[in-house]
């Protein structure tokens, strides 16, 4: 993939043929979505919320692993 910024309002993107017609259409639709809705703003999430979510994910993954291996 090659990306060139021609000026403030124009960017050219070139893809390999391996992307295919469907992939190219998906990329086109995504870019049209960004143009229509703007690029989403980044939100700052408190570290405590991230840690809580991470702990929940790790706990669930551990439980699935134990169940799959027949441990407890």
PDB file of N, CA and C in Angstrom:
ATOM      1  N   UNK A   1       0.844  -1.166   0.000  1.00  0.00           N
ATOM      2  CA  UNK A   1       0.000   0.000   0.000  1.00  0.00           C
ATOM      3  C   UNK A   1       0.898   1.241   0.000  1.00  0.00           C
ATOM      4  N   UNK A   2       0.528   2.204  -0.795  1.00  0.00           N
ATOM      5  CA  UNK A   2       1.267   3.461  -0.880  1.00  0.00           C
ATOM      6  C   UNK A   2       0.289   4.603  -0.596  1.00  0.00           C
ATOM      7  N   UNK A   3       0.677   5.489   0.320  1.00  0.00           N
ATOM      8  CA  UNK A   3      -0.153   6.639   0.668  1.00  0.00           C
ATOM      9  C   UNK A   3       0.641   7.903   0.366  1.00  0.00           C
ATOM     10  N   UNK A   4       0.020   8.812  -0.378  1.00  0.00           N
ATOM     11  CA  UNK A   4       0.663  10.078  -0.717  1.00  0.00           C
ATOM     12  C   UNK A   4      -0.281  11.226  -0.356  1.00  0.00           C
ATOM     13  N   UNK A   5       0.234  12.191   0.368  1.00  0.00           N
ATOM     14  CA  UNK A   5      -0.551  13.391   0.674  1.00  0.00           C
ATOM     15  C   UNK A   5      -0.162  14.451  -0.343  1.00  0.00           C
ATOM     16  N   UNK A   6      -1.083  14.767  -1.239  1.00  0.00           N
ATOM     17  CA  UNK A   6      -0.795  15.704  -2.312  1.00  0.00           C
ATOM     18  C   UNK A   6      -0.927  17.151  -1.860  1.00  0.00           C
ATOM     19  N   UNK A   7      -1.910  17.439  -1.044  1.00  0.00           N
ATOM     20  CA  UNK A   7      -2.069  18.759  -0.435  1.00  0.00           C
ATOM     21  C   UNK A   7      -2.983  18.594   0.774  1.00  0.00           C
ATOM     22  N   UNK A   8      -3.447  19.704   1.348  1.00  0.00           N
ATOM     23  CA  UNK A   8      -4.241  19.622   2.574  1.00  0.00           C
ATOM     24  C   UNK A   8      -5.564  18.884   2.390  1.00  0.00           C
ATOM     25  N   UNK A   9      -6.086  18.879   1.174  1.00  0.00           N
ATOM     26  CA  UNK A   9      -7.410  18.302   0.947  1.00  0.00           C
ATOM     27  C   UNK A   9      -7.400  17.042   0.092  1.00  0.00           C
ATOM     28  N   UNK A  10      -6.208  16.553  -0.279  1.00  0.00           N
ATOM     29  CA  UNK A  10      -6.181  15.409  -1.183  1.00  0.00           C
ATOM     30  C   UNK A  10      -5.100  14.416  -0.788  1.00  0.00           C
ATOM     31  N   UNK A  11      -5.515  13.150  -0.639  1.00  0.00           N
ATOM     32  CA  UNK A  11      -4.603  12.049  -0.325  1.00  0.00           C
ATOM     33  C   UNK A  11      -4.850  10.957  -1.360  1.00  0.00           C
ATOM     34  N   UNK A  12      -3.780  10.384  -1.888  1.00  0.00           N
ATOM     35  CA  UNK A  12      -3.882   9.289  -2.839  1.00  0.00           C
ATOM     36  C   UNK A  12      -3.401   8.006  -2.169  1.00  0.00           C
ATOM     37  N   UNK A  13      -4.213   6.937  -2.311  1.00  0.00           N
ATOM     38  CA  UNK A  13      -3.867   5.641  -1.725  1.00  0.00           C
ATOM     39  C   UNK A  13      -3.891   4.607  -2.847  1.00  0.00           C
ATOM     40  N   UNK A  14      -2.812   3.816  -2.938  1.00  0.00           N
ATOM     41  CA  UNK A  14      -2.728   2.752  -3.940  1.00  0.00           C
ATOM     42  C   UNK A  14      -2.618   1.411  -3.223  1.00  0.00           C
ATOM     43  N   UNK A  15      -3.378   0.418  -3.686  1.00  0.00           N
ATOM     44  CA  UNK A  15      -3.382  -0.911  -3.076  1.00  0.00           C
ATOM     45  C   UNK A  15      -2.896  -1.953  -4.065  1.00  0.00           C
ATOM     46  N   UNK A  16      -2.393  -3.032  -3.527  1.00  0.00           N
ATOM     47  CA  UNK A  16      -1.980  -4.157  -4.367  1.00  0.00           C
ATOM     48  C   UNK A  16      -3.232  -4.866  -4.884  1.00  0.00           C
ATOM     49  N   UNK A  17      -3.098  -5.575  -5.975  1.00  0.00           N
ATOM     50  CA  UNK A  17      -4.214  -6.335  -6.532  1.00  0.00           C
ATOM     51  C   UNK A  17      -4.705  -7.424  -5.612  1.00  0.00           C
ATOM     52  N   UNK A  18      -3.890  -7.813  -4.625  1.00  0.00           N
ATOM     53  CA  UNK A  18      -4.272  -8.863  -3.688  1.00  0.00           C
ATOM     54  C   UNK A  18      -5.462  -8.454  -2.819  1.00  0.00           C
ATOM     55  N   UNK A  19      -5.709  -7.160  -2.720  1.00  0.00           N
ATOM     56  CA  UNK A  19      -6.836  -6.673  -1.917  1.00  0.00           C
ATOM     57  C   UNK A  19      -8.153  -7.164  -2.515  1.00  0.00           C
ATOM     58  N   UNK A  20      -8.204  -7.227  -3.827  1.00  0.00           N
ATOM     59  CA  UNK A  20      -9.398  -7.729  -4.503  1.00  0.00           C
ATOM     60  C   UNK A  20     -10.512  -6.708  -4.567  1.00  0.00           C
ATOM     61  N   UNK A  21     -11.517  -7.060  -5.344  1.00  0.00           N
ATOM     62  CA  UNK A  21     -12.635  -6.157  -5.578  1.00  0.00           C
ATOM     63  C   UNK A  21     -13.448  -5.925  -4.301  1.00  0.00           C
ATOM     64  N   UNK A  22     -13.713  -6.996  -3.541  1.00  0.00           N
ATOM     65  CA  UNK A  22     -14.488  -6.875  -2.307  1.00  0.00           C
ATOM     66  C   UNK A  22     -13.724  -6.051  -1.281  1.00  0.00           C
ATOM     67  N   UNK A  23     -12.439  -6.337  -1.111  1.00  0.00           N
ATOM     68  CA  UNK A  23     -11.635  -5.585  -0.159  1.00  0.00           C
ATOM     69  C   UNK A  23     -11.580  -4.111  -0.509  1.00  0.00           C
ATOM     70  N   UNK A  24     -11.429  -3.822  -1.796  1.00  0.00           N
ATOM     71  CA  UNK A  24     -11.383  -2.441  -2.251  1.00  0.00           C
ATOM     72  C   UNK A  24     -12.713  -1.737  -1.981  1.00  0.00           C
ATOM     73  N   UNK A  25     -13.811  -2.446  -2.195  1.00  0.00           N
ATOM     74  CA  UNK A  25     -15.127  -1.872  -1.929  1.00  0.00           C
ATOM     75  C   UNK A  25     -15.312  -1.611  -0.426  1.00  0.00           C
ATOM     76  N   UNK A  26     -14.839  -2.534   0.415  1.00  0.00           N
ATOM     77  CA  UNK A  26     -14.933  -2.354   1.867  1.00  0.00           C
ATOM     78  C   UNK A  26     -14.141  -1.122   2.310  1.00  0.00           C
ATOM     79  N   UNK A  27     -12.942  -0.958   1.749  1.00  0.00           N
ATOM     80  CA  UNK A  27     -12.104   0.197   2.075  1.00  0.00           C
ATOM     81  C   UNK A  27     -12.800   1.481   1.630  1.00  0.00           C
ATOM     82  N   UNK A  28     -13.365   1.466   0.442  1.00  0.00           N
ATOM     83  CA  UNK A  28     -14.067   2.639  -0.092  1.00  0.00           C
ATOM     84  C   UNK A  28     -15.233   3.019   0.810  1.00  0.00           C
ATOM     85  N   UNK A  29     -16.017   2.031   1.246  1.00  0.00           N
ATOM     86  CA  UNK A  29     -17.156   2.304   2.120  1.00  0.00           C
ATOM     87  C   UNK A  29     -16.694   2.867   3.462  1.00  0.00           C
ATOM     88  N   UNK A  30     -15.588   2.346   3.998  1.00  0.00           N
ATOM     89  CA  UNK A  30     -15.071   2.843   5.267  1.00  0.00           C
ATOM     90  C   UNK A  30     -14.626   4.298   5.143  1.00  0.00           C
ATOM     91  N   UNK A  31     -13.942   4.615   4.048  1.00  0.00           N
ATOM     92  CA  UNK A  31     -13.489   5.994   3.831  1.00  0.00           C
ATOM     93  C   UNK A  31     -14.688   6.924   3.654  1.00  0.00           C
ATOM     94  N   UNK A  32     -15.716   6.471   2.941  1.00  0.00           N
ATOM     95  CA  UNK A  32     -16.926   7.279   2.791  1.00  0.00           C
ATOM     96  C   UNK A  32     -17.585   7.520   4.148  1.00  0.00           C
ATOM     97  N   UNK A  33     -17.579   6.507   5.007  1.00  0.00           N
ATOM     98  CA  UNK A  33     -18.112   6.653   6.365  1.00  0.00           C
ATOM     99  C   UNK A  33     -17.330   7.715   7.131  1.00  0.00           C
ATOM    100  N   UNK A  34     -15.993   7.661   7.046  1.00  0.00           N
ATOM    101  CA  UNK A  34     -15.165   8.652   7.740  1.00  0.00           C
ATOM    102  C   UNK A  34     -15.425  10.055   7.220  1.00  0.00           C
ATOM    103  N   UNK A  35     -15.574  10.173   5.903  1.00  0.00           N
ATOM    104  CA  UNK A  35     -15.839  11.493   5.320  1.00  0.00           C
ATOM    105  C   UNK A  35     -17.180  12.044   5.793  1.00  0.00           C
ATOM    106  N   UNK A  36     -18.177  11.172   5.904  1.00  0.00           N
ATOM    107  CA  UNK A  36     -19.516  11.613   6.295  1.00  0.00           C
ATOM    108  C   UNK A  36     -19.606  11.927   7.790  1.00  0.00           C
ATOM    109  N   UNK A  37     -18.901  11.161   8.613  1.00  0.00           N
ATOM    110  CA  UNK A  37     -19.054  11.279  10.060  1.00  0.00           C
ATOM    111  C   UNK A  37     -17.862  11.913  10.763  1.00  0.00           C
ATOM    112  N   UNK A  38     -16.807  12.129  10.052  1.00  0.00           N
ATOM    113  CA  UNK A  38     -15.607  12.661  10.685  1.00  0.00           C
ATOM    114  C   UNK A  38     -14.870  11.558  11.430  1.00  0.00           C
ATOM    115  N   UNK A  39     -13.630  11.793  11.698  1.00  0.00           N
ATOM    116  CA  UNK A  39     -12.819  10.819  12.435  1.00  0.00           C
ATOM    117  C   UNK A  39     -13.232  10.889  13.898  1.00  0.00           C
ATOM    118  N   UNK A  40     -13.521   9.725  14.506  1.00  0.00           N
ATOM    119  CA  UNK A  40     -13.960   9.742  15.906  1.00  0.00           C
ATOM    120  C   UNK A  40     -12.901  10.363  16.818  1.00  0.00           C
ATOM    121  N   UNK A  41     -13.358  11.097  17.799  1.00  0.00           N
ATOM    122  CA  UNK A  41     -12.459  11.703  18.774  1.00  0.00           C
ATOM    123  C   UNK A  41     -12.006  10.645  19.768  1.00  0.00           C
ATOM    124  N   UNK A  42     -10.759  10.752  20.183  1.00  0.00           N
ATOM    125  CA  UNK A  42     -10.245   9.838  21.200  1.00  0.00           C
ATOM    126  C   UNK A  42     -10.784  10.266  22.552  1.00  0.00           C
ATOM    127  N   UNK A  43     -11.188   9.284  23.339  1.00  0.00           N
ATOM    128  CA  UNK A  43     -11.678   9.567  24.674  1.00  0.00           C
ATOM    129  C   UNK A  43     -10.669   9.053  25.682  1.00  0.00           C
ATOM    130  N   UNK A  44     -10.472   9.830  26.718  1.00  0.00           N
ATOM    131  CA  UNK A  44      -9.586   9.396  27.784  1.00  0.00           C
ATOM    132  C   UNK A  44     -10.385   8.530  28.755  1.00  0.00           C
ATOM    133  N   UNK A  45      -9.900   7.327  28.973  1.00  0.00           N
ATOM    134  CA  UNK A  45     -10.560   6.396  29.886  1.00  0.00           C
ATOM    135  C   UNK A  45      -9.669   6.246  31.107  1.00  0.00           C
ATOM    136  N   UNK A  46     -10.253   6.372  32.284  1.00  0.00           N
ATOM    137  CA  UNK A  46      -9.449   6.252  33.498  1.00  0.00           C
ATOM    138  C   UNK A  46      -8.753   4.889  33.590  1.00  0.00           C
ATOM    139  N   UNK A  47      -7.529   4.888  34.114  1.00  0.00           N
ATOM    140  CA  UNK A  47      -6.769   3.646  34.250  1.00  0.00           C
ATOM    141  C   UNK A  47      -7.510   2.627  35.093  1.00  0.00           C
ATOM    142  N   UNK A  48      -8.279   3.087  36.079  1.00  0.00           N
ATOM    143  CA  UNK A  48      -9.021   2.156  36.939  1.00  0.00           C
ATOM    144  C   UNK A  48     -10.059   1.369  36.137  1.00  0.00           C
ATOM    145  N   UNK A  49     -10.699   2.013  35.168  1.00  0.00           N
ATOM    146  CA  UNK A  49     -11.682   1.339  34.327  1.00  0.00           C
ATOM    147  C   UNK A  49     -10.990   0.327  33.422  1.00  0.00           C
ATOM    148  N   UNK A  50      -9.851   0.712  32.862  1.00  0.00           N
ATOM    149  CA  UNK A  50      -9.090  -0.195  32.006  1.00  0.00           C
ATOM    150  C   UNK A  50      -8.629  -1.409  32.795  1.00  0.00           C
ATOM    151  N   UNK A  51      -8.133  -1.189  34.008  1.00  0.00           N
ATOM    152  CA  UNK A  51      -7.674  -2.293  34.847  1.00  0.00           C
ATOM    153  C   UNK A  51      -8.822  -3.225  35.187  1.00  0.00           C
ATOM    154  N   UNK A  52      -9.978  -2.669  35.538  1.00  0.00           N
ATOM    155  CA  UNK A  52     -11.143  -3.495  35.882  1.00  0.00           C
ATOM    156  C   UNK A  52     -11.563  -4.354  34.687  1.00  0.00           C
ATOM    157  N   UNK A  53     -11.625  -3.773  33.512  1.00  0.00           N
ATOM    158  CA  UNK A  53     -11.990  -4.505  32.304  1.00  0.00           C
ATOM    159  C   UNK A  53     -10.959  -5.584  32.000  1.00  0.00           C
ATOM    160  N   UNK A  54      -9.686  -5.239  32.121  1.00  0.00           N
ATOM    161  CA  UNK A  54      -8.608  -6.193  31.882  1.00  0.00           C
ATOM    162  C   UNK A  54      -8.703  -7.375  32.846  1.00  0.00           C
ATOM    163  N   UNK A  55      -8.957  -7.084  34.113  1.00  0.00           N
ATOM    164  CA  UNK A  55      -9.091  -8.152  35.110  1.00  0.00           C
ATOM    165  C   UNK A  55     -10.267  -9.074  34.790  1.00  0.00           C
ATOM    166  N   UNK A  56     -11.388  -8.485  34.369  1.00  0.00           N
ATOM    167  CA  UNK A  56     -12.563  -9.290  34.017  1.00  0.00           C
ATOM    168  C   UNK A  56     -12.277 -10.184  32.810  1.00  0.00           C
ATOM    169  N   UNK A  57     -11.589  -9.634  31.818  1.00  0.00           N
ATOM    170  CA  UNK A  57     -11.247 -10.416  30.619  1.00  0.00           C
ATOM    171  C   UNK A  57     -10.312 -11.561  30.988  1.00  0.00           C
ATOM    172  N   UNK A  58      -9.283 -11.265  31.795  1.00  0.00           N
ATOM    173  CA  UNK A  58      -8.339 -12.301  32.206  1.00  0.00           C
ATOM    174  C   UNK A  58      -9.021 -13.388  33.020  1.00  0.00           C
ATOM    175  N   UNK A  59      -9.932 -13.009  33.899  1.00  0.00           N
ATOM    176  CA  UNK A  59     -10.653 -13.973  34.728  1.00  0.00           C
ATOM    177  C   UNK A  59     -11.513 -14.893  33.851  1.00  0.00           C
ATOM    178  N   UNK A  60     -12.217 -14.295  32.888  1.00  0.00           N
ATOM    179  CA  UNK A  60     -13.062 -15.085  31.986  1.00  0.00           C
ATOM    180  C   UNK A  60     -12.217 -16.013  31.116  1.00  0.00           C
ATOM    181  N   UNK A  61     -11.087 -15.520  30.615  1.00  0.00           N
ATOM    182  CA  UNK A  61     -10.211 -16.344  29.779  1.00  0.00           C
ATOM    183  C   UNK A  61      -9.638 -17.495  30.589  1.00  0.00           C
ATOM    184  N   UNK A  62      -9.260 -17.235  31.824  1.00  0.00           N
ATOM    185  CA  UNK A  62      -8.718 -18.274  32.705  1.00  0.00           C
ATOM    186  C   UNK A  62      -9.768 -19.344  32.971  1.00  0.00           C
ATOM    187  N   UNK A  63     -10.996 -18.913  33.210  1.00  0.00           N
ATOM    188  CA  UNK A  63     -12.080 -19.863  33.469  1.00  0.00           C
ATOM    189  C   UNK A  63     -12.347 -20.732  32.239  1.00  0.00           C
ATOM    190  N   UNK A  64     -12.353 -20.127  31.053  1.00  0.00           N
ATOM    191  CA  UNK A  64     -12.566 -20.916  29.821  1.00  0.00           C
ATOM    192  C   UNK A  64     -11.420 -21.902  29.605  1.00  0.00           C
ATOM    193  N   UNK A  65     -10.197 -21.464  29.863  1.00  0.00           N
ATOM    194  CA  UNK A  65      -9.036 -22.332  29.690  1.00  0.00           C
ATOM    195  C   UNK A  65      -9.126 -23.519  30.644  1.00  0.00           C
ATOM    196  N   UNK A  66      -9.438 -23.243  31.906  1.00  0.00           N
ATOM    197  CA  UNK A  66      -9.557 -24.325  32.893  1.00  0.00           C
ATOM    198  C   UNK A  66     -10.661 -25.299  32.518  1.00  0.00           C
ATOM    199  N   UNK A  67     -11.778 -24.765  32.054  1.00  0.00           N
ATOM    200  CA  UNK A  67     -12.904 -25.626  31.653  1.00  0.00           C
ATOM    201  C   UNK A  67     -12.507 -26.492  30.466  1.00  0.00           C
ATOM    202  N   UNK A  68     -11.815 -25.894  29.484  1.00  0.00           N
ATOM    203  CA  UNK A  68     -11.404 -26.639  28.291  1.00  0.00           C
ATOM    204  C   UNK A  68     -10.397 -27.740  28.650  1.00  0.00           C
ATOM    205  N   UNK A  69      -9.540 -27.494  29.646  1.00  0.00           N
ATOM    206  CA  UNK A  69      -8.529 -28.482  30.049  1.00  0.00           C
ATOM    207  C   UNK A  69      -9.060 -29.430  31.121  1.00  0.00           C
ATOM    208  N   UNK A  70     -10.285 -29.204  31.594  1.00  0.00           N
ATOM    209  CA  UNK A  70     -10.862 -30.078  32.602  1.00  0.00           C
ATOM    210  C   UNK A  70     -10.277 -29.839  33.996  1.00  0.00           C
ATOM    211  N   UNK A  71      -9.779 -28.640  34.224  1.00  0.00           N
ATOM    212  CA  UNK A  71      -9.199 -28.293  35.524  1.00  0.00           C
ATOM    213  C   UNK A  71     -10.266 -27.495  36.288  1.00  0.00           C
ATOM    214  N   UNK A  72     -10.636 -28.018  37.433  1.00  0.00           N
ATOM    215  CA  UNK A  72     -11.619 -27.372  38.301  1.00  0.00           C
ATOM    216  C   UNK A  72     -12.836 -26.971  37.553  1.00  0.00           C
TER     217      UNK A  72
END
